[in-house]
């Protein structure tokens, strides 16, 4: 894979999506916050349906491409992929014409370079999408997912210009979900192991001011950003990481981090012995 032609996509470092993988497991919490054993009636996996749907669409698109003849597969990939050159005067020379100029901001998220690329992004989507989807309505979650994907493609174009390169994969959008999760995961850690699950699902969202003052969050943001750049440039001669669209990751991530407050709608907090787990402050006190 080259940097100026062919596919540009992301294979994310496992450390980040593994950090949230526990959210794909159904953790049962007792009223006092202690974890209870799973019963036969309780599912091991409890991933929100909207996250499963996105993964299923990605798998379906990739499966269809695999059974198509080579030329038709290439044409479909060109039609769905985001190509920055579409934003220039050569738009009519590319498949889809003026319509694909706009639709490809979304459709490229469901196209992947190979099964490994699809597998890593699916695992990362399950890990990062699950905690965000549990705090967000289905429509708001999809809007956030697509907005971060669009932001990733836009930033990729801002850095590279209107080049002829195929940007594919959901990494930009998933990076945005990770950025959004940063706004509540770290505050949940303050509750300790017993209160972590409830705090990340029902607890308050960290404000942007608090986010940028929190050393843990800032350290993670800087480390993640540097790792993306190093993988894209420093390791290009050692691995196939030269094909990583780090620009899309960065654009999506910061869109999610900065804009998630507009989408966050945590569910109502369940009662606990006649009291709320996280009682609202009395506005009249």
Protein backbone atom coordinates (compact mmCIF):
# COMPACT_ATOMS: atom_id res chain seq x y z
CA UNK A 1 0.00 0.00 0.00
CA UNK A 2 1.24 3.45 -0.89
CA UNK A 3 0.57 6.80 0.64
CA UNK A 4 -0.70 8.54 -2.47
CA UNK A 5 -2.61 5.81 -4.21
CA UNK A 6 -4.45 2.67 -3.31
CA UNK A 7 -6.10 2.25 0.06
CA UNK A 8 -5.49 4.35 3.13
CA UNK A 9 -6.90 2.72 6.23
CA UNK A 10 -6.22 2.16 9.87
CA UNK A 11 -5.17 -0.78 12.00
CA UNK A 12 -5.43 0.57 15.48
CA UNK A 13 -3.03 -0.35 18.30
CA UNK A 14 -4.76 -3.03 20.41
CA UNK A 15 -4.01 -1.18 23.65
CA UNK A 16 -6.78 1.34 23.02
CA UNK A 17 -9.68 -0.84 21.93
CA UNK A 18 -8.79 -3.52 24.46
CA UNK A 19 -9.06 -0.90 27.19
CA UNK A 20 -12.79 -0.63 26.53
CA UNK A 21 -13.48 -4.22 25.57
CA UNK A 22 -15.02 -4.98 28.95
CA UNK A 23 -18.03 -2.87 28.01
CA UNK A 24 -19.05 -5.55 25.52
CA UNK A 25 -19.53 -7.86 28.51
CA UNK A 26 -22.68 -7.64 30.58
CA UNK A 27 -21.49 -6.72 34.07
CA UNK A 28 -24.24 -7.26 36.64
CA UNK A 29 -24.02 -4.90 39.60
CA UNK A 30 -25.72 -5.42 42.93
CA UNK A 31 -27.37 -2.50 44.77
CA UNK A 32 -24.25 -2.06 46.83
CA UNK A 33 -22.04 -2.04 43.77
CA UNK A 34 -20.59 -5.54 44.06
CA UNK A 35 -20.39 -7.63 40.92
CA UNK A 36 -22.78 -10.58 40.86
CA UNK A 37 -22.27 -13.85 38.98
CA UNK A 38 -24.04 -14.09 35.64
CA UNK A 39 -27.14 -16.25 35.77
CA UNK A 40 -28.35 -18.48 32.98
CA UNK A 41 -30.90 -15.86 31.97
CA UNK A 42 -28.31 -13.11 31.70
CA UNK A 43 -26.37 -12.76 28.42
CA UNK A 44 -22.59 -12.84 28.46
CA UNK A 45 -22.49 -10.25 25.72
CA UNK A 46 -24.79 -7.25 25.87
CA UNK A 47 -23.75 -5.01 23.01
CA UNK A 48 -26.27 -2.32 22.02
CA UNK A 49 -28.19 -3.21 18.86
CA UNK A 50 -27.03 -0.10 17.00
CA UNK A 51 -23.40 -1.13 17.43
CA UNK A 52 -24.15 -4.67 16.23
CA UNK A 53 -25.95 -3.17 13.22
CA UNK A 54 -22.94 -1.09 12.20
CA UNK A 55 -20.62 -4.08 12.48
CA UNK A 56 -23.06 -6.21 10.47
CA UNK A 57 -23.22 -3.65 7.66
CA UNK A 58 -19.41 -3.51 7.50
CA UNK A 59 -19.22 -7.31 7.32
CA UNK A 60 -21.97 -7.50 4.69
CA UNK A 61 -20.31 -4.91 2.44
CA UNK A 62 -16.97 -6.68 2.66
CA UNK A 63 -18.54 -10.09 2.02
CA UNK A 64 -20.32 -8.81 -1.10
CA UNK A 65 -17.09 -7.34 -2.44
CA UNK A 66 -15.32 -10.69 -2.01
CA UNK A 67 -17.75 -12.55 -4.26
CA UNK A 68 -17.78 -9.96 -7.04
CA UNK A 69 -15.52 -10.28 -10.07
CA UNK A 70 -12.31 -8.27 -9.80
CA UNK A 71 -13.42 -5.43 -12.07
CA UNK A 72 -16.82 -5.05 -10.42
CA UNK A 73 -15.23 -5.17 -6.97
CA UNK A 74 -12.83 -2.41 -7.98
CA UNK A 75 -15.65 -0.29 -9.42
CA UNK A 76 -17.77 -0.71 -6.27
CA UNK A 77 -14.81 0.15 -4.06
CA UNK A 78 -14.12 3.29 -6.10
CA UNK A 79 -17.79 4.22 -5.86
CA UNK A 80 -17.97 3.85 -2.06
CA UNK A 81 -14.48 5.02 -1.04
CA UNK A 82 -13.79 8.62 -0.11
CA UNK A 83 -11.53 10.13 -2.76
CA UNK A 84 -10.41 13.71 -2.05
CA UNK A 85 -10.10 14.37 -5.78
CA UNK A 86 -13.91 14.27 -5.92
CA UNK A 87 -13.89 17.67 -4.25
CA UNK A 88 -12.03 19.09 -7.25
CA UNK A 89 -12.80 19.50 -10.96
CA UNK A 90 -12.06 15.81 -11.70
CA UNK A 91 -15.21 14.69 -9.87
CA UNK A 92 -16.93 13.71 -13.14
CA UNK A 93 -14.05 11.46 -14.11
CA UNK A 94 -14.58 9.26 -11.06
CA UNK A 95 -17.33 6.65 -10.44
CA UNK A 96 -20.48 8.15 -8.98
CA UNK A 97 -19.83 11.65 -10.23
CA UNK A 98 -21.26 14.54 -8.26
CA UNK A 99 -23.50 12.29 -6.14
CA UNK A 100 -20.55 10.28 -4.80
CA UNK A 101 -18.82 13.54 -3.87
CA UNK A 102 -21.26 13.74 -0.96
CA UNK A 103 -22.29 10.14 -0.31
CA UNK A 104 -18.69 8.92 -0.03
CA UNK A 105 -18.26 10.92 3.18
CA UNK A 106 -20.50 8.22 4.71
CA UNK A 107 -20.12 5.15 2.49
CA UNK A 108 -16.34 4.91 2.91
CA UNK A 109 -16.90 4.00 6.56
CA UNK A 110 -18.34 0.62 5.57
CA UNK A 111 -15.55 -0.41 3.17
CA UNK A 112 -12.42 -2.18 4.44
CA UNK A 113 -9.18 -3.19 2.82
CA UNK A 114 -9.10 -6.83 3.97
CA UNK A 115 -10.48 -9.17 6.63
CA UNK A 116 -7.80 -8.14 9.13
CA UNK A 117 -8.70 -4.48 8.71
CA UNK A 118 -12.38 -5.33 9.14
CA UNK A 119 -11.72 -7.53 12.18
CA UNK A 120 -9.65 -4.94 14.04
CA UNK A 121 -12.12 -2.15 13.33
CA UNK A 122 -15.06 -4.34 14.36
CA UNK A 123 -13.40 -5.17 17.68
CA UNK A 124 -12.57 -1.51 18.24
CA UNK A 125 -16.13 -0.49 17.38
CA UNK A 126 -17.55 -3.02 19.86
CA UNK A 127 -15.20 -1.74 22.56
CA UNK A 128 -15.62 2.01 22.03
CA UNK A 129 -19.15 2.06 20.65
CA UNK A 130 -20.74 0.09 23.48
CA UNK A 131 -20.18 2.54 26.36
CA UNK A 132 -21.11 5.54 24.19
CA UNK A 133 -24.25 3.88 22.81
CA UNK A 134 -25.41 3.06 26.36
CA UNK A 135 -25.48 6.79 27.14
CA UNK A 136 -26.89 7.95 23.82
CA UNK A 137 -30.11 7.49 21.86
CA UNK A 138 -29.90 5.44 18.67
CA UNK A 139 -30.34 8.44 16.38
CA UNK A 140 -27.85 10.55 18.33
CA UNK A 141 -25.33 7.72 18.29
CA UNK A 142 -25.60 7.31 14.52
CA UNK A 143 -25.38 11.08 14.05
CA UNK A 144 -22.21 11.20 16.17
CA UNK A 145 -20.71 8.20 14.36
CA UNK A 146 -21.29 9.72 10.91
CA UNK A 147 -20.24 13.21 12.00
CA UNK A 148 -16.90 11.90 13.26
CA UNK A 149 -16.43 9.94 10.04
CA UNK A 150 -17.09 13.07 8.01
CA UNK A 151 -14.69 15.06 10.18
CA UNK A 152 -12.01 12.42 9.64
CA UNK A 153 -12.41 12.55 5.87
CA UNK A 154 -12.44 16.34 5.91
CA UNK A 155 -9.24 16.56 7.95
CA UNK A 156 -7.60 13.96 5.70
CA UNK A 157 -8.38 16.22 2.73
CA UNK A 158 -7.20 19.34 4.57
CA UNK A 159 -3.80 17.74 5.15
CA UNK A 160 -3.34 16.01 1.79
CA UNK A 161 -5.31 18.17 -0.63
CA UNK A 162 -7.54 16.84 -3.41
CA UNK A 163 -5.37 13.84 -4.25
CA UNK A 164 -6.46 10.66 -5.97
CA UNK A 165 -6.34 8.23 -3.04
CA UNK A 166 -8.95 5.85 -1.68
CA UNK A 167 -9.77 6.40 1.97
CA UNK A 168 -11.70 3.42 3.37
CA UNK A 169 -12.61 2.12 6.81
CA UNK A 170 -14.55 3.14 9.90
CA UNK A 171 -11.45 4.15 11.89
CA UNK A 172 -12.17 7.88 11.72
CA UNK A 173 -15.68 7.44 13.11
CA UNK A 174 -14.54 4.96 15.77
CA UNK A 175 -11.76 7.32 16.80
CA UNK A 176 -14.52 9.85 17.42
CA UNK A 177 -16.33 7.38 19.67
CA UNK A 178 -13.11 6.92 21.62
CA UNK A 179 -12.78 10.69 21.97
CA UNK A 180 -16.36 10.84 23.21
CA UNK A 181 -15.70 8.04 25.72
CA UNK A 182 -12.80 10.01 27.17
CA UNK A 183 -15.39 12.49 28.44
CA UNK A 184 -16.83 9.99 30.94
CA UNK A 185 -14.55 6.94 31.26
CA UNK A 186 -11.98 8.68 33.43
CA UNK A 187 -14.55 10.15 35.80
CA UNK A 188 -15.90 6.62 36.20
CA UNK A 189 -12.47 5.42 37.28
CA UNK A 190 -12.71 7.77 40.26
CA UNK A 191 -15.59 5.65 41.59
CA UNK A 192 -13.40 2.57 41.94
CA UNK A 193 -13.98 -0.91 40.52
CA UNK A 194 -17.41 -1.34 42.12
CA UNK A 195 -18.87 1.95 40.93
CA UNK A 196 -17.17 2.12 37.55
CA UNK A 197 -19.97 0.51 35.50
CA UNK A 198 -22.72 2.72 36.96
CA UNK A 199 -20.62 5.88 36.85
CA UNK A 200 -19.76 5.51 33.18
CA UNK A 201 -23.37 4.82 32.25
CA UNK A 202 -25.31 7.16 34.51
CA UNK A 203 -22.74 9.62 35.84
CA UNK A 204 -22.23 13.20 34.66
CA UNK A 205 -20.22 14.10 31.59
CA UNK A 206 -16.86 15.76 32.15
CA UNK A 207 -16.92 19.34 30.85
CA UNK A 208 -14.39 20.40 28.22
CA UNK A 209 -12.65 22.59 30.75
CA UNK A 210 -12.29 19.70 33.18
CA UNK A 211 -11.24 17.42 30.34
CA UNK A 212 -8.28 19.59 29.40
CA UNK A 213 -7.29 20.07 33.03
CA UNK A 214 -7.28 16.33 33.78
CA UNK A 215 -3.72 15.06 33.49
CA UNK A 216 -4.85 11.49 32.86
CA UNK A 217 -7.01 12.49 29.90
CA UNK A 218 -4.40 14.85 28.47
CA UNK A 219 -1.70 12.19 28.80
CA UNK A 220 -3.89 9.71 26.93
CA UNK A 221 -4.74 12.23 24.21
CA UNK A 222 -1.09 13.13 23.65
CA UNK A 223 0.04 9.49 23.73
CA UNK A 224 -2.67 8.41 21.28
CA UNK A 225 -1.89 11.28 18.92
CA UNK A 226 1.84 10.65 18.95
CA UNK A 227 1.37 6.92 18.46
CA UNK A 228 -0.76 7.53 15.37
CA UNK A 229 1.87 9.83 13.88
CA UNK A 230 4.70 7.44 14.73
CA UNK A 231 2.88 4.50 13.20
CA UNK A 232 2.14 6.48 10.06
CA UNK A 233 5.67 7.82 9.58
CA UNK A 234 8.23 6.30 11.91
CA UNK A 235 7.20 2.69 11.33
CA UNK A 236 6.40 3.05 7.63
CA UNK A 237 9.62 1.33 6.62
CA UNK A 238 9.22 -1.53 9.09
CA UNK A 239 5.56 -2.50 8.69
CA UNK A 240 2.58 -1.81 6.44
CA UNK A 241 1.60 1.05 8.77
CA UNK A 242 2.45 3.52 6.02
CA UNK A 243 -1.11 2.96 4.79
CA UNK A 244 -2.67 4.19 8.02
CA UNK A 245 -4.82 7.28 7.49
CA UNK A 246 -3.74 8.94 10.71
CA UNK A 247 -5.31 12.20 9.53
CA UNK A 248 -8.77 10.61 9.55
CA UNK A 249 -8.15 9.23 13.04
CA UNK A 250 -7.15 12.63 14.36
CA UNK A 251 -10.02 14.48 12.72
CA UNK A 252 -12.59 11.99 13.96
CA UNK A 253 -11.13 11.76 17.45
CA UNK A 254 -11.16 15.47 18.17
CA UNK A 255 -14.63 15.84 16.67
CA UNK A 256 -15.92 13.24 19.13
CA UNK A 257 -13.98 14.70 22.04
CA UNK A 258 -15.15 18.27 21.45
CA UNK A 259 -18.73 17.70 20.27
CA UNK A 260 -19.96 14.76 22.33
CA UNK A 261 -21.65 17.04 24.84
CA UNK A 262 -24.31 17.80 22.21
CA UNK A 263 -25.18 14.09 21.89
CA UNK A 264 -24.83 12.75 25.44
CA UNK A 265 -28.15 11.64 26.90
CA UNK A 266 -27.46 9.16 29.72
CA UNK A 267 -30.41 6.97 30.75
CA UNK A 268 -32.41 7.61 33.91
CA UNK A 269 -30.63 6.41 37.01
CA UNK A 270 -32.30 3.40 38.65
CA UNK A 271 -33.51 3.73 42.25
CA UNK A 272 -31.55 2.19 45.09
CA UNK A 273 -33.42 1.52 48.35
CA UNK A 274 -35.68 4.47 47.65
CA UNK A 275 -32.71 6.67 46.69
CA UNK A 276 -31.01 7.37 43.40
CA UNK A 277 -27.55 6.00 42.70
CA UNK A 278 -26.41 9.51 41.75
CA UNK A 279 -28.93 11.95 43.24
CA UNK A 280 -29.39 15.22 41.40
CA UNK A 281 -28.37 18.32 43.37
CA UNK A 282 -31.20 20.41 44.81
CA UNK A 283 -31.39 23.48 42.60
CA UNK A 284 -33.14 25.44 45.35
CA UNK A 285 -30.69 24.74 48.17
